[in-house]
Amino acid sequence: MPIATLERDFARRMLPVAGLAAVVLAGVPPAAYRWVAWQKLEAQARVYATAIGVGVRRAAERDPWLWRYNVPKILQATAGHRGQPDIGRVRVTDCAGTTLFAPEGLEVGTGAAGPAGWAPVAVAGRTVAWVEVHADPRRERATLARLAAGAAVLGLAVGALVYVVPVRVVRRRARAIAEAVGRIQEAERSRIGRDLHDTVGQALTALQIDLELARTRPDEAARRLGACATVCEETLAELRRVVHDLRPPELAAAPLAELLRAYTERFELRTGIAVSFRTVGGDVRSDEIATCLFRILQEALTNVSRHAAAGEVGVTLAVTDGTASLDVVDDGRGFDRAAVRQGAGLRGMRERCEFLGGTLAIDSRPGTGTRIAVVLPLAREDA
């Protein structure tokens, strides 16, 4: 799948996540504040209703039958709560819900209707009326409006961050991966080109010379044609080796240790450089990690044959403690890492490791050989 398509797909998937984050941050704080504030107002309204009910009860006890018609007494009972800024409305009803004293007549409260609380008016153990008090919610509503506005701004800002930051990070990472993959592919092309030039190209050049001599010197034709046949056989074998190394069929079927051992044996036969190979621990079941280790061994041994002037190479594959490690050590001339610029081969090996979350360390000094150490993490099912 193209990188641009992956970026767009991830951006689409992040939209609902960012929207949910914005909605939660914009909605939860105001909703929580409103619930707490309204519970508090209801509790306060019940306290006021109980206090006013005490005054109404006293008036009813003095005049059990006519108290509801004695407006001055009721006004006197509620007078102590006039001017309270947090009382919105007060109403006295009978048990059937019929209004006995309306808010306008009691002249208590600011007139705003908010959460309500009730208290009974009991005379001789019998409820004769109810006092209903509505709290004034205007101050809480103003605070709620400010809180909602701030939460909305915060929700939009956090939603934008939740969307923009991951999308930008993923975009940069995806492009870095694409560039690394491109460099790895270029390194593979360079390695294949070197193999073809050093083996097939030279063999074809020798074949051309022998054929030209066979054409111009009839007395040597038979010997030259025999040499040409030998060169063709060797070239065909070498070409098969190059094709085989591009994607060994054993990579998916054979254990990684056997594949690496076979490659080191072919390298030893081809170059004359002695290679010792040993394994520690189990096997690697991940195709990606097996391919990475195989390619790194290819590149490391190619560098040994081209640059190290080594007489012996040691290769160790270890699969233990959830990691797979590969060590390639030679006794060649070594090099000064600070003075030598890393080529595409070493850079490609490092990027292969980083692509799979691993590390690659190079230890070399002039005259002391070179050690390449690779460590890759294994998933639980691969260990």
Protein backbone atom coordinates (compact mmCIF):
# COMPACT_ATOMS: atom_id res chain seq x y z
CA MET A 1 0.00 0.00 0.00
CA PRO A 2 1.46 3.44 -0.90
CA ILE A 3 2.68 5.61 1.96
CA ALA A 4 0.29 8.43 1.00
CA THR A 5 -2.65 6.02 1.21
CA LEU A 6 -1.52 4.83 4.63
CA GLU A 7 -1.23 8.43 5.82
CA ARG A 8 -4.76 9.26 4.62
CA ASP A 9 -6.15 6.08 6.17
CA PHE A 10 -4.56 6.87 9.53
CA ALA A 11 -5.81 10.46 9.37
CA ARG A 12 -9.36 9.22 8.72
CA ARG A 13 -9.12 6.83 11.64
CA MET A 14 -7.89 9.60 13.95
CA LEU A 15 -10.83 11.91 13.15
CA PRO A 16 -13.41 10.09 15.34
CA VAL A 17 -10.83 9.72 18.12
CA ALA A 18 -10.10 13.44 18.08
CA GLY A 19 -13.82 14.22 17.87
CA LEU A 20 -14.55 11.98 20.86
CA ALA A 21 -11.78 13.64 22.87
CA ALA A 22 -13.16 17.08 22.01
CA VAL A 23 -16.74 16.09 22.91
CA VAL A 24 -15.70 14.52 26.20
CA LEU A 25 -13.61 17.50 27.29
CA ALA A 26 -16.26 19.97 26.15
CA GLY A 27 -19.21 18.12 27.67
CA VAL A 28 -18.08 16.33 30.82
CA PRO A 29 -16.93 19.31 32.96
CA PRO A 30 -20.14 21.36 32.41
CA ALA A 31 -22.32 18.28 32.92
CA ALA A 32 -20.49 17.37 36.11
CA TYR A 33 -20.67 20.92 37.41
CA ARG A 34 -24.39 21.19 36.60
CA TRP A 35 -25.17 17.92 38.38
CA VAL A 36 -23.22 18.91 41.50
CA ALA A 37 -24.58 22.47 41.52
CA TRP A 38 -28.19 21.34 41.02
CA GLN A 39 -27.86 18.76 43.80
CA LYS A 40 -26.57 21.51 46.06
CA LEU A 41 -29.43 23.85 45.07
CA GLU A 42 -32.01 21.12 45.70
CA ALA A 43 -30.54 20.45 49.15
CA GLN A 44 -30.58 24.18 49.95
CA ALA A 45 -34.16 24.48 48.69
CA ARG A 46 -35.24 21.64 51.02
CA VAL A 47 -33.56 23.42 53.94
CA TYR A 48 -35.48 26.64 53.16
CA ALA A 49 -38.72 24.73 52.65
CA THR A 50 -38.31 23.06 56.03
CA ALA A 51 -37.61 26.37 57.76
CA ILE A 52 -40.59 28.11 56.11
CA GLY A 53 -42.76 25.07 56.85
CA VAL A 54 -42.02 25.48 60.57
CA GLY A 55 -43.44 29.01 60.48
CA VAL A 56 -46.51 27.95 58.51
CA ARG A 57 -47.05 25.02 60.91
CA ARG A 58 -47.09 27.40 63.89
CA ALA A 59 -49.73 29.54 62.19
CA ALA A 60 -51.78 26.43 61.40
CA GLU A 61 -51.53 25.15 64.97
CA ARG A 62 -52.93 28.42 66.35
CA ASP A 63 -55.82 28.38 63.87
CA PRO A 64 -56.26 24.81 62.55
CA TRP A 65 -59.34 25.55 60.39
CA LEU A 66 -58.91 29.09 59.18
CA TRP A 67 -55.11 29.43 58.90
CA ARG A 68 -55.18 29.15 55.12
CA TYR A 69 -57.37 32.25 54.97
CA ASN A 70 -55.23 34.21 57.41
CA VAL A 71 -52.88 35.84 54.93
CA PRO A 72 -51.17 38.17 57.43
CA LYS A 73 -50.15 35.23 59.61
CA ILE A 74 -48.67 33.36 56.65
CA LEU A 75 -46.85 36.46 55.47
CA GLN A 76 -45.50 36.86 58.96
CA ALA A 77 -44.34 33.21 58.95
CA THR A 78 -42.41 33.69 55.72
CA ALA A 79 -41.17 37.24 56.36
CA GLY A 80 -37.85 36.01 57.75
CA HIS A 81 -36.84 34.73 54.31
CA ARG A 82 -37.61 37.83 52.32
CA GLY A 83 -34.55 39.22 50.60
CA GLN A 84 -32.70 35.88 50.41
CA PRO A 85 -30.87 36.05 47.04
CA ASP A 86 -30.67 32.28 46.62
CA ILE A 87 -34.43 31.70 46.95
CA GLY A 88 -36.24 31.90 43.65
CA ARG A 89 -39.88 31.16 44.40
CA VAL A 90 -41.97 29.98 47.39
CA ARG A 91 -45.41 28.38 47.14
CA VAL A 92 -47.75 26.78 49.70
CA THR A 93 -50.16 24.08 48.45
CA ASP A 94 -52.68 21.74 50.01
CA CYS A 95 -52.27 17.99 49.88
CA ALA A 96 -54.05 17.84 46.53
CA GLY A 97 -51.53 20.23 44.97
CA THR A 98 -53.88 23.23 44.85
CA THR A 99 -52.06 26.50 45.42
CA LEU A 100 -53.01 28.15 48.71
CA PHE A 101 -50.41 30.93 48.66
CA ALA A 102 -48.80 31.81 45.34
CA PRO A 103 -45.23 33.13 45.02
CA GLU A 104 -46.51 36.54 43.98
CA GLY A 105 -48.53 36.82 47.19
CA LEU A 106 -45.84 35.66 49.56
CA GLU A 107 -43.34 38.14 48.13
CA VAL A 108 -40.41 35.82 48.92
CA GLY A 109 -37.68 35.10 46.40
CA THR A 110 -36.27 36.61 43.26
CA GLY A 111 -38.81 35.04 40.93
CA ALA A 112 -36.33 32.72 39.17
CA ALA A 113 -37.33 29.05 39.01
CA GLY A 114 -34.64 26.50 39.68
CA PRO A 115 -34.32 23.15 41.48
CA ALA A 116 -37.14 22.64 43.98
CA GLY A 117 -37.37 21.27 47.49
CA TRP A 118 -40.51 20.36 49.47
CA ALA A 119 -41.35 20.16 53.16
CA PRO A 120 -44.64 19.06 54.75
CA VAL A 121 -46.74 21.17 57.14
CA ALA A 122 -48.02 18.75 59.79
CA VAL A 123 -50.59 19.61 62.48
CA ALA A 124 -51.42 17.01 65.16
CA GLY A 125 -49.57 14.36 63.21
CA ARG A 126 -51.50 15.06 60.00
CA THR A 127 -50.08 16.75 56.91
CA VAL A 128 -52.28 19.68 56.01
CA ALA A 129 -50.10 21.45 53.41
CA TRP A 130 -46.77 21.46 51.58
CA VAL A 131 -44.19 24.22 51.20
CA GLU A 132 -42.44 24.29 47.83
CA VAL A 133 -39.23 26.31 47.45
CA HIS A 134 -37.39 26.85 44.17
CA ALA A 135 -33.74 27.85 44.43
CA ASP A 136 -32.43 30.74 42.34
CA PRO A 137 -30.02 29.17 39.81
CA ARG A 138 -28.87 32.31 38.03
CA ARG A 139 -25.44 32.48 39.66
CA GLU A 140 -24.82 28.77 38.92
CA ARG A 141 -26.07 29.20 35.37
CA ALA A 142 -23.66 32.08 34.79
CA THR A 143 -20.81 29.99 36.15
CA LEU A 144 -21.99 27.05 34.02
CA ALA A 145 -21.99 29.22 30.89
CA ARG A 146 -18.41 30.37 31.54
CA LEU A 147 -17.34 26.82 32.30
CA ALA A 148 -19.03 25.48 29.15
CA ALA A 149 -17.32 28.12 27.00
CA GLY A 150 -13.92 27.33 28.50
CA ALA A 151 -14.51 23.58 28.17
CA ALA A 152 -15.55 23.99 24.55
CA VAL A 153 -12.34 25.90 23.76
CA LEU A 154 -10.28 23.33 25.66
CA GLY A 155 -12.08 20.46 23.92
CA LEU A 156 -11.44 21.93 20.49
CA ALA A 157 -7.79 22.56 21.33
CA VAL A 158 -7.22 19.07 22.73
CA GLY A 159 -9.16 17.49 19.86
CA ALA A 160 -6.96 19.35 17.39
CA LEU A 161 -3.83 18.21 19.23
CA VAL A 162 -5.07 14.61 19.39
CA TYR A 163 -5.56 14.73 15.63
CA VAL A 164 -2.66 16.85 14.43
CA VAL A 165 0.20 15.54 16.59
CA PRO A 166 -0.22 11.79 15.90
CA VAL A 167 -0.93 12.42 12.22
CA ARG A 168 2.25 14.48 11.86
CA VAL A 169 4.30 11.94 13.81
CA VAL A 170 2.96 9.06 11.72
CA ARG A 171 3.52 11.04 8.53
CA ARG A 172 7.15 11.74 9.43
CA ARG A 173 7.69 8.15 10.52
CA ALA A 174 6.04 6.75 7.40
CA ARG A 175 8.19 8.92 5.15
CA ALA A 176 11.32 7.96 7.10
CA ILE A 177 10.40 4.30 6.69
CA ALA A 178 9.78 4.82 2.98
CA GLU A 179 13.18 6.47 2.60
CA ALA A 180 14.85 3.67 4.61
CA VAL A 181 13.15 1.02 2.47
CA GLY A 182 14.33 2.85 -0.63
CA ARG A 183 17.91 2.92 0.68
CA ILE A 184 17.72 -0.77 1.59
CA GLN A 185 16.48 -1.59 -1.90
CA GLU A 186 19.27 0.50 -3.41
CA ALA A 187 21.83 -1.29 -1.25
CA GLU A 188 20.44 -4.64 -2.45
CA ARG A 189 20.69 -3.49 -6.05
CA SER A 190 24.29 -2.39 -5.47
CA ARG A 191 25.17 -5.74 -3.89
CA ILE A 192 23.58 -7.68 -6.75
CA GLY A 193 25.35 -5.44 -9.25
CA ARG A 194 28.70 -6.08 -7.56
CA ASP A 195 28.08 -9.83 -7.57
CA LEU A 196 27.16 -9.84 -11.24
CA HIS A 197 30.12 -7.62 -12.16
CA ASP A 198 32.67 -9.56 -10.14
CA THR A 199 31.54 -13.01 -11.27
CA VAL A 200 29.27 -13.14 -14.28
CA GLY A 201 30.73 -10.02 -15.89
CA GLN A 202 34.32 -11.23 -15.60
CA ALA A 203 33.36 -14.70 -16.80
CA LEU A 204 31.63 -13.28 -19.86
CA THR A 205 34.70 -11.15 -20.60
CA ALA A 206 36.90 -14.25 -20.45
CA LEU A 207 34.41 -16.10 -22.63
CA GLN A 208 34.53 -13.30 -25.21
CA ILE A 209 38.33 -13.44 -25.32
CA ASP A 210 38.39 -17.23 -25.78
CA LEU A 211 35.80 -17.09 -28.56
CA GLU A 212 37.74 -14.37 -30.35
CA LEU A 213 40.93 -16.43 -30.14
CA ALA A 214 39.09 -19.53 -31.37
CA ARG A 215 37.84 -17.53 -34.38
CA THR A 216 41.19 -16.01 -35.27
CA ARG A 217 43.39 -19.06 -34.52
CA PRO A 218 41.92 -22.22 -36.03
CA ASP A 219 44.72 -24.36 -34.60
CA GLU A 220 43.62 -23.46 -31.04
CA ALA A 221 39.86 -23.59 -31.71
CA ALA A 222 39.26 -26.96 -30.07
CA ARG A 223 41.12 -26.01 -26.88
CA ARG A 224 39.52 -22.59 -26.72
CA LEU A 225 36.01 -24.00 -27.24
CA GLY A 226 36.61 -26.46 -24.43
CA ALA A 227 37.65 -23.58 -22.20
CA CYS A 228 34.52 -21.70 -23.27
CA ALA A 229 32.35 -24.64 -22.26
CA THR A 230 34.02 -24.71 -18.85
CA VAL A 231 33.53 -20.95 -18.40
CA CYS A 232 29.87 -21.28 -19.39
CA GLU A 233 29.32 -23.99 -16.79
CA GLU A 234 31.01 -21.93 -14.08
CA THR A 235 29.10 -18.81 -15.09
CA LEU A 236 25.79 -20.65 -15.06
CA ALA A 237 26.56 -22.03 -11.59
CA GLU A 238 27.50 -18.58 -10.34
CA LEU A 239 24.38 -17.05 -11.84
CA ARG A 240 22.27 -19.68 -10.11
CA ARG A 241 24.01 -18.84 -6.84
CA VAL A 242 23.23 -15.13 -7.24
CA VAL A 243 19.57 -15.88 -8.03
CA HIS A 244 19.40 -18.31 -5.12
CA ASP A 245 20.77 -15.72 -2.71
CA LEU A 246 18.15 -13.18 -3.78
CA ARG A 247 15.45 -15.25 -2.08
CA PRO A 248 16.58 -18.68 -0.92
CA PRO A 249 13.66 -21.12 -1.08
CA GLU A 250 14.86 -22.61 2.21
CA LEU A 251 14.14 -19.31 3.98
CA ALA A 252 10.50 -20.22 4.50
CA ALA A 253 11.02 -23.96 4.99
CA ALA A 254 14.38 -24.59 6.66
CA PRO A 255 15.52 -23.35 10.09
CA LEU A 256 17.43 -20.09 9.98
CA ALA A 257 20.53 -21.69 11.49
CA GLU A 258 20.74 -24.23 8.66
CA LEU A 259 20.30 -21.51 6.04
CA LEU A 260 23.06 -19.34 7.51
CA ARG A 261 25.37 -22.33 7.90
CA ALA A 262 24.86 -23.31 4.24
CA TYR A 263 25.56 -19.74 3.14
CA THR A 264 28.79 -19.54 5.15
CA GLU A 265 29.93 -22.85 3.63
CA ARG A 266 29.27 -21.57 0.10
CA PHE A 267 31.10 -18.35 0.97
CA GLU A 268 34.10 -20.31 2.22
CA LEU A 269 34.24 -22.42 -0.95
CA ARG A 270 33.91 -19.38 -3.18
CA THR A 271 36.41 -17.07 -1.48
CA GLY A 272 38.81 -19.40 0.34
CA ILE A 273 38.25 -17.48 3.62
CA ALA A 274 37.71 -19.88 6.52
CA VAL A 275 34.34 -19.41 8.25
CA SER A 276 33.33 -20.97 11.57
CA PHE A 277 29.61 -20.98 12.38
CA ARG A 278 27.88 -21.81 15.65
CA THR A 279 24.40 -21.42 17.11
CA VAL A 280 23.10 -20.84 20.64
CA GLY A 281 19.49 -21.32 21.75
CA GLY A 282 16.45 -22.02 19.61
CA ASP A 283 15.26 -21.02 16.18
CA VAL A 284 13.64 -17.92 14.68
CA ARG A 285 10.14 -18.44 13.31
CA SER A 286 9.55 -14.90 12.04
CA ASP A 287 10.15 -14.57 8.28
CA GLU A 288 10.90 -10.85 8.64
CA ILE A 289 13.61 -11.37 11.27
CA ALA A 290 15.07 -14.37 9.43
CA THR A 291 15.27 -12.38 6.19
CA CYS A 292 16.87 -9.42 8.01
CA LEU A 293 19.57 -11.59 9.62
CA PHE A 294 20.24 -13.40 6.34
CA ARG A 295 20.68 -10.13 4.42
CA ILE A 296 22.93 -8.69 7.10
CA LEU A 297 25.12 -11.80 7.01
CA GLN A 298 25.29 -11.51 3.21
CA GLU A 299 26.39 -7.89 3.36
CA ALA A 300 28.83 -8.48 6.22
CA LEU A 301 30.57 -11.38 4.44
CA THR A 302 30.61 -9.44 1.17
CA ASN A 303 32.43 -6.60 2.95
CA VAL A 304 34.87 -9.12 4.44
CA SER A 305 35.71 -10.54 1.01
CA ARG A 306 36.05 -7.12 -0.62
CA HIS A 307 37.77 -5.01 2.04
CA ALA A 308 38.96 -6.91 5.11
CA ALA A 309 41.77 -9.10 3.72
CA ALA A 310 40.77 -11.54 6.46
CA GLY A 311 41.92 -15.12 6.86
CA GLU A 312 39.10 -16.25 9.15
CA VAL A 313 35.58 -15.20 10.05
CA GLY A 314 33.49 -16.27 13.04
CA VAL A 315 29.67 -16.18 12.81
CA THR A 316 27.41 -16.75 15.85
CA LEU A 317 23.61 -16.91 15.85
CA ALA A 318 22.01 -16.74 19.32
CA VAL A 319 18.28 -16.91 20.05
CA THR A 320 17.72 -16.42 23.79
CA ASP A 321 15.68 -14.28 26.21
CA GLY A 322 13.30 -12.94 23.58
CA THR A 323 16.03 -11.68 21.25
CA ALA A 324 17.85 -12.91 18.19
CA SER A 325 21.46 -11.81 17.83
CA LEU A 326 24.02 -12.28 15.09
CA ASP A 327 27.75 -11.68 15.54
CA VAL A 328 30.17 -11.55 12.61
CA VAL A 329 33.85 -11.22 13.62
CA ASP A 330 36.83 -11.22 11.24
CA ASP A 331 40.58 -11.00 11.77
CA GLY A 332 41.14 -8.59 8.88
CA ARG A 333 42.76 -5.21 8.63
CA GLY A 334 39.91 -3.34 10.33
CA PHE A 335 39.26 0.36 9.84
CA ASP A 336 38.95 3.65 11.69
CA ARG A 337 35.23 4.32 12.06
CA ALA A 338 35.81 8.06 12.56
CA ALA A 339 37.86 8.37 9.38
CA VAL A 340 35.87 6.07 7.10
CA ARG A 341 32.49 7.14 5.80
CA GLN A 342 29.88 4.41 6.05
CA GLY A 343 28.73 3.19 2.66
CA ALA A 344 25.32 2.09 1.51
CA GLY A 345 25.95 -1.47 2.74
CA LEU A 346 26.55 -0.60 6.39
CA ARG A 347 23.79 2.01 6.32
CA GLY A 348 21.41 -0.54 4.83
CA MET A 349 22.24 -3.07 7.56
CA ARG A 350 21.61 -0.47 10.26
CA GLU A 351 18.31 0.60 8.74
CA ARG A 352 17.15 -3.01 8.44
CA CYS A 353 17.74 -3.43 12.17
CA GLU A 354 16.06 -0.17 13.14
CA PHE A 355 13.08 -1.03 10.92
CA LEU A 356 12.46 -4.10 13.12
CA GLY A 357 13.22 -2.30 16.39
CA GLY A 358 16.72 -3.73 16.77
CA THR A 359 20.25 -2.41 17.06
CA LEU A 360 23.47 -2.82 15.11
CA ALA A 361 26.88 -2.14 16.63
CA ILE A 362 30.18 -2.00 14.72
CA ASP A 363 33.46 -2.39 16.60
CA SER A 364 36.60 -1.97 14.52
CA ARG A 365 40.08 -0.51 14.78
CA PRO A 366 42.93 -0.59 12.28
CA GLY A 367 44.83 -3.86 12.53
CA THR A 368 42.41 -5.56 14.95
CA GLY A 369 39.64 -6.81 12.68
CA THR A 370 35.95 -5.94 12.73
CA ARG A 371 32.97 -7.12 14.77
CA ILE A 372 29.36 -6.55 13.70
CA ALA A 373 26.77 -7.29 16.40
CA VAL A 374 23.05 -7.34 15.60
CA VAL A 375 20.29 -7.67 18.21
CA LEU A 376 16.62 -7.95 17.18
CA PRO A 377 13.64 -8.29 19.54
CA LEU A 378 11.40 -11.31 19.07
CA ALA A 379 7.65 -11.30 19.48
CA ARG A 380 6.39 -13.77 22.08
CA GLU A 381 5.11 -16.14 19.43
CA ASP A 382 8.49 -16.01 17.60
CA ALA A 383 10.72 -16.63 20.61
